[in-house]
């Protein structure tokens, strides 16, 4: 006898979600490196921990990092390194980097 399991048929919604996940830049890999490291103005990583050089997008996230990784040291917001000021490019007319869709053409 054969099993009772029915073969799974993928819905259009599932297929669309898989295509979206495969073709949209989520900020990982080489495509999102500049955002994560804060090398350009407008990147997502704004603050850098003065102790371990870990980056975070805002003060609240950096405070959570500091409490978890450096519990014996007091948190001082003035010691945080603002990467947008330190690593700012000279030309401000360039668009800010961000996460955008990929250049793959999904239409047939």
N, C-alpha and C. Protein backbone atom coordinates (compact mmCIF):
# COMPACT_ATOMS: atom_id res chain seq x y z
N UNK A 1 0.83 -1.19 0.00
CA UNK A 1 0.00 0.00 0.00
C UNK A 1 0.87 1.25 0.00
N UNK A 2 0.33 2.26 -0.58
CA UNK A 2 1.06 3.52 -0.59
C UNK A 2 0.69 4.35 0.64
N UNK A 3 1.48 5.37 0.91
CA UNK A 3 1.23 6.22 2.07
C UNK A 3 0.04 7.14 1.87
N UNK A 4 -0.44 7.69 2.95
CA UNK A 4 -1.60 8.58 2.88
C UNK A 4 -1.22 10.03 2.60
N UNK A 5 0.06 10.32 2.64
CA UNK A 5 0.48 11.71 2.44
C UNK A 5 0.16 12.16 1.03
N UNK A 6 -0.37 13.35 0.95
CA UNK A 6 -0.70 13.91 -0.36
C UNK A 6 0.48 14.75 -0.83
N UNK A 7 0.75 14.76 -2.12
CA UNK A 7 1.86 15.60 -2.60
C UNK A 7 1.51 17.07 -2.40
N UNK A 8 2.50 17.83 -1.93
CA UNK A 8 2.27 19.24 -1.64
C UNK A 8 2.28 20.05 -2.93
N UNK A 9 1.31 20.88 -3.08
CA UNK A 9 1.26 21.78 -4.23
C UNK A 9 1.50 23.19 -3.70
N UNK A 10 2.45 23.86 -4.27
CA UNK A 10 2.80 25.20 -3.82
C UNK A 10 1.78 26.21 -4.33
N UNK A 11 1.40 27.10 -3.46
CA UNK A 11 0.44 28.14 -3.85
C UNK A 11 1.18 29.27 -4.55
N UNK A 12 0.44 30.10 -5.22
CA UNK A 12 1.03 31.25 -5.91
C UNK A 12 1.68 32.20 -4.90
N UNK A 13 1.11 32.30 -3.72
CA UNK A 13 1.66 33.17 -2.67
C UNK A 13 3.03 32.66 -2.22
N UNK A 14 3.15 31.34 -2.03
CA UNK A 14 4.44 30.76 -1.63
C UNK A 14 5.50 30.96 -2.70
N UNK A 15 5.13 30.75 -3.94
CA UNK A 15 6.09 30.92 -5.04
C UNK A 15 6.52 32.37 -5.14
N UNK A 16 5.58 33.30 -4.99
CA UNK A 16 5.92 34.73 -5.04
C UNK A 16 6.85 35.10 -3.89
N UNK A 17 6.62 34.52 -2.71
CA UNK A 17 7.48 34.80 -1.56
C UNK A 17 8.90 34.26 -1.79
N UNK A 18 9.01 33.08 -2.41
CA UNK A 18 10.33 32.52 -2.72
C UNK A 18 11.07 33.38 -3.74
N UNK A 19 10.36 33.86 -4.75
CA UNK A 19 10.99 34.72 -5.76
C UNK A 19 11.44 36.03 -5.12
N UNK A 20 10.59 36.60 -4.26
CA UNK A 20 10.94 37.84 -3.57
C UNK A 20 12.16 37.65 -2.68
N UNK A 21 12.22 36.54 -1.95
CA UNK A 21 13.36 36.28 -1.07
C UNK A 21 14.65 36.08 -1.86
N UNK A 22 14.54 35.51 -3.05
CA UNK A 22 15.72 35.23 -3.85
C UNK A 22 16.23 36.46 -4.61
N UNK A 23 15.35 37.40 -4.90
CA UNK A 23 15.75 38.52 -5.75
C UNK A 23 15.84 39.87 -5.05
N UNK A 24 15.55 39.94 -3.76
CA UNK A 24 15.60 41.20 -3.04
C UNK A 24 16.82 41.24 -2.14
N UNK A 25 17.56 42.34 -2.20
CA UNK A 25 18.73 42.51 -1.35
C UNK A 25 18.28 42.80 0.06
N UNK A 26 18.62 41.93 0.98
CA UNK A 26 18.26 42.10 2.38
C UNK A 26 19.41 42.68 3.19
N UNK A 27 20.47 43.08 2.53
CA UNK A 27 21.57 43.73 3.24
C UNK A 27 22.70 42.80 3.61
N UNK A 28 22.62 41.54 3.29
CA UNK A 28 23.69 40.62 3.63
C UNK A 28 24.70 40.50 2.49
N UNK A 29 25.82 39.87 2.76
CA UNK A 29 26.83 39.64 1.74
C UNK A 29 27.52 40.92 1.31
N UNK A 30 28.08 40.91 0.11
CA UNK A 30 28.82 42.07 -0.38
C UNK A 30 27.90 43.26 -0.67
N UNK A 31 26.66 42.98 -1.02
CA UNK A 31 25.73 44.05 -1.38
C UNK A 31 25.43 44.98 -0.21
N UNK A 32 25.40 44.45 1.01
CA UNK A 32 25.07 45.27 2.17
C UNK A 32 26.26 45.58 3.06
N UNK A 33 27.47 45.30 2.58
CA UNK A 33 28.66 45.50 3.40
C UNK A 33 28.84 46.95 3.81
N UNK A 34 28.65 47.88 2.90
CA UNK A 34 28.85 49.28 3.22
C UNK A 34 27.81 49.76 4.23
N UNK A 35 26.59 49.23 4.17
CA UNK A 35 25.57 49.59 5.15
C UNK A 35 25.93 49.08 6.54
N UNK A 36 26.39 47.85 6.62
CA UNK A 36 26.69 47.27 7.93
C UNK A 36 27.91 47.89 8.58
N UNK A 37 28.90 48.25 7.81
CA UNK A 37 30.12 48.79 8.38
C UNK A 37 30.06 50.30 8.56
N UNK A 38 29.09 50.97 7.97
CA UNK A 38 28.96 52.41 8.13
C UNK A 38 30.02 53.17 7.37
N UNK A 39 30.53 52.60 6.27
CA UNK A 39 31.60 53.24 5.52
C UNK A 39 31.12 54.44 4.72
N UNK A 40 29.85 54.56 4.51
CA UNK A 40 29.33 55.70 3.76
C UNK A 40 28.26 56.39 4.58
N UNK A 41 28.09 57.67 4.35
CA UNK A 41 27.07 58.42 5.09
C UNK A 41 25.69 57.90 4.70
N UNK A 42 24.86 57.73 5.69
CA UNK A 42 23.52 57.23 5.44
C UNK A 42 23.41 55.73 5.57
N UNK A 43 24.51 55.05 5.86
CA UNK A 43 24.46 53.61 6.05
C UNK A 43 23.71 53.27 7.32
N UNK A 44 23.36 52.04 7.47
CA UNK A 44 22.54 51.65 8.62
C UNK A 44 23.32 51.59 9.92
N UNK A 45 24.61 51.34 9.85
CA UNK A 45 25.42 51.27 11.07
C UNK A 45 25.91 52.67 11.39
N UNK A 46 25.34 53.29 12.41
CA UNK A 46 25.68 54.67 12.72
C UNK A 46 26.68 54.77 13.85
N UNK A 47 26.51 53.96 14.89
CA UNK A 47 27.38 54.06 16.07
C UNK A 47 28.32 52.86 16.16
N UNK A 48 29.51 53.12 16.72
CA UNK A 48 30.50 52.07 16.90
C UNK A 48 30.87 52.00 18.37
N UNK A 49 30.95 50.79 18.89
CA UNK A 49 31.33 50.59 20.29
C UNK A 49 32.82 50.90 20.45
N UNK A 50 33.19 51.75 21.41
CA UNK A 50 34.61 52.09 21.58
C UNK A 50 35.43 50.93 22.14
N UNK A 51 34.78 49.93 22.69
CA UNK A 51 35.50 48.81 23.29
C UNK A 51 35.81 47.69 22.29
N UNK A 52 34.80 47.29 21.50
CA UNK A 52 34.99 46.13 20.62
C UNK A 52 34.75 46.44 19.15
N UNK A 53 34.45 47.68 18.81
CA UNK A 53 34.24 48.14 17.43
C UNK A 53 33.02 47.52 16.76
N UNK A 54 32.07 47.02 17.52
CA UNK A 54 30.82 46.53 16.97
C UNK A 54 29.94 47.72 16.61
N UNK A 55 29.22 47.62 15.50
CA UNK A 55 28.39 48.73 15.04
C UNK A 55 26.92 48.48 15.38
N UNK A 56 26.17 49.57 15.51
CA UNK A 56 24.73 49.51 15.79
C UNK A 56 24.06 50.71 15.14
N UNK A 57 22.78 50.58 14.76
CA UNK A 57 22.09 51.67 14.07
C UNK A 57 21.65 52.83 14.96
N UNK A 58 21.45 52.58 16.26
CA UNK A 58 21.00 53.66 17.13
C UNK A 58 21.55 53.48 18.55
N UNK A 59 21.31 54.48 19.39
CA UNK A 59 21.86 54.49 20.75
C UNK A 59 21.22 53.39 21.60
N UNK A 60 19.93 53.17 21.43
CA UNK A 60 19.24 52.15 22.22
C UNK A 60 19.83 50.76 21.96
N UNK A 61 20.07 50.44 20.69
CA UNK A 61 20.66 49.16 20.34
C UNK A 61 22.08 49.06 20.88
N UNK A 62 22.82 50.15 20.83
CA UNK A 62 24.18 50.14 21.36
C UNK A 62 24.17 49.96 22.87
N UNK A 63 23.19 50.52 23.55
CA UNK A 63 23.09 50.33 25.00
C UNK A 63 22.78 48.88 25.33
N UNK A 64 21.92 48.23 24.56
CA UNK A 64 21.62 46.82 24.75
C UNK A 64 22.88 45.99 24.54
N UNK A 65 23.64 46.31 23.48
CA UNK A 65 24.90 45.62 23.22
C UNK A 65 25.87 45.80 24.39
N UNK A 66 25.97 47.02 24.86
CA UNK A 66 26.92 47.33 25.93
C UNK A 66 26.55 46.60 27.22
N UNK A 67 25.27 46.56 27.54
CA UNK A 67 24.83 45.86 28.76
C UNK A 67 25.09 44.36 28.67
N UNK A 68 24.99 43.81 27.47
CA UNK A 68 25.18 42.37 27.30
C UNK A 68 26.66 41.99 27.22
N UNK A 69 27.45 42.78 26.52
CA UNK A 69 28.85 42.41 26.25
C UNK A 69 29.85 43.04 27.20
N UNK A 70 29.54 44.18 27.77
CA UNK A 70 30.47 44.88 28.66
C UNK A 70 29.76 45.26 29.97
N UNK A 71 29.27 44.29 30.73
CA UNK A 71 28.45 44.62 31.90
C UNK A 71 29.22 45.30 33.03
N UNK A 72 30.54 45.10 33.10
CA UNK A 72 31.31 45.69 34.21
C UNK A 72 31.69 47.14 33.97
N UNK A 73 31.56 47.60 32.73
CA UNK A 73 31.92 48.98 32.40
C UNK A 73 30.65 49.83 32.35
N UNK A 74 30.68 51.04 32.87
CA UNK A 74 29.49 51.90 32.79
C UNK A 74 29.27 52.39 31.36
N UNK A 75 28.00 52.50 30.97
CA UNK A 75 27.66 52.96 29.62
C UNK A 75 27.71 54.48 29.58
N UNK A 76 28.50 55.02 28.66
CA UNK A 76 28.62 56.46 28.50
C UNK A 76 28.32 56.79 27.03
N UNK A 77 27.20 57.44 26.80
CA UNK A 77 26.77 57.74 25.43
C UNK A 77 27.74 58.66 24.71
N UNK A 78 28.45 59.52 25.43
CA UNK A 78 29.37 60.46 24.80
C UNK A 78 30.61 59.78 24.23
N UNK A 79 30.91 58.56 24.66
CA UNK A 79 32.09 57.84 24.15
C UNK A 79 31.82 57.08 22.86
N UNK A 80 30.54 56.98 22.46
CA UNK A 80 30.21 56.28 21.23
C UNK A 80 30.76 57.03 20.03
N UNK A 81 31.19 56.28 19.03
CA UNK A 81 31.75 56.87 17.82
C UNK A 81 30.65 56.94 16.77
N UNK A 82 30.34 58.15 16.31
CA UNK A 82 29.32 58.35 15.28
C UNK A 82 30.00 58.20 13.92
N UNK A 83 29.76 57.08 13.25
CA UNK A 83 30.42 56.79 11.99
C UNK A 83 29.96 57.68 10.85
N UNK A 84 28.77 58.23 10.94
CA UNK A 84 28.28 59.11 9.87
C UNK A 84 29.05 60.44 9.86
N UNK A 85 29.56 60.85 11.00
CA UNK A 85 30.35 62.07 11.07
C UNK A 85 31.80 61.79 10.73
N UNK A 86 32.33 60.70 11.27
CA UNK A 86 33.74 60.36 11.07
C UNK A 86 34.05 59.96 9.64
N UNK A 87 33.18 59.15 9.03
CA UNK A 87 33.45 58.61 7.70
C UNK A 87 32.60 59.26 6.61
N UNK A 88 32.17 60.48 6.82
CA UNK A 88 31.30 61.15 5.85
C UNK A 88 32.06 61.46 4.57
N UNK A 89 31.47 61.14 3.41
CA UNK A 89 32.11 61.49 2.14
C UNK A 89 32.02 62.99 1.89
N UNK A 90 32.87 63.50 1.00
CA UNK A 90 32.92 64.92 0.72
C UNK A 90 31.71 65.43 -0.04
N UNK A 91 31.17 64.64 -0.96
CA UNK A 91 30.05 65.07 -1.78
C UNK A 91 28.74 64.62 -1.17
N UNK A 92 27.91 65.56 -0.74
CA UNK A 92 26.64 65.21 -0.12
C UNK A 92 25.51 65.11 -1.13
N UNK A 93 25.79 65.35 -2.43
CA UNK A 93 24.75 65.28 -3.44
C UNK A 93 24.46 63.85 -3.86
N UNK A 94 25.31 62.90 -3.47
CA UNK A 94 25.08 61.50 -3.81
C UNK A 94 23.91 60.97 -3.00
N UNK A 95 23.14 60.08 -3.58
CA UNK A 95 22.02 59.52 -2.82
C UNK A 95 22.53 58.63 -1.69
N UNK A 96 21.77 58.58 -0.62
CA UNK A 96 22.15 57.75 0.50
C UNK A 96 21.98 56.27 0.14
N UNK A 97 22.89 55.43 0.59
CA UNK A 97 22.73 54.01 0.30
C UNK A 97 21.61 53.42 1.14
N UNK A 98 21.06 52.36 0.67
CA UNK A 98 20.01 51.68 1.41
C UNK A 98 19.80 50.31 0.82
N UNK A 99 18.87 49.62 1.33
CA UNK A 99 18.58 48.30 0.81
C UNK A 99 17.52 48.44 -0.25
N UNK A 100 17.78 47.92 -1.40
CA UNK A 100 16.83 48.01 -2.50
C UNK A 100 16.74 46.65 -3.16
N UNK A 101 15.83 46.50 -4.06
CA UNK A 101 15.68 45.25 -4.78
C UNK A 101 16.87 44.99 -5.68
N UNK A 102 17.02 43.75 -6.08
CA UNK A 102 18.15 43.40 -6.93
C UNK A 102 17.87 43.80 -8.37
N UNK A 103 18.86 43.60 -9.22
CA UNK A 103 18.72 43.95 -10.63
C UNK A 103 18.25 42.78 -11.48
N UNK A 104 17.94 41.65 -10.85
CA UNK A 104 17.46 40.50 -11.59
C UNK A 104 16.09 40.80 -12.17
N UNK A 105 15.84 40.30 -13.37
CA UNK A 105 14.55 40.51 -14.01
C UNK A 105 13.72 39.26 -13.77
N UNK A 106 12.65 39.37 -12.99
CA UNK A 106 11.83 38.21 -12.67
C UNK A 106 10.67 38.05 -13.64
N UNK A 107 10.39 39.07 -14.44
CA UNK A 107 9.30 38.96 -15.41
C UNK A 107 9.73 38.12 -16.60
N UNK A 108 8.82 37.34 -17.11
CA UNK A 108 9.15 36.49 -18.27
C UNK A 108 8.58 37.06 -19.54
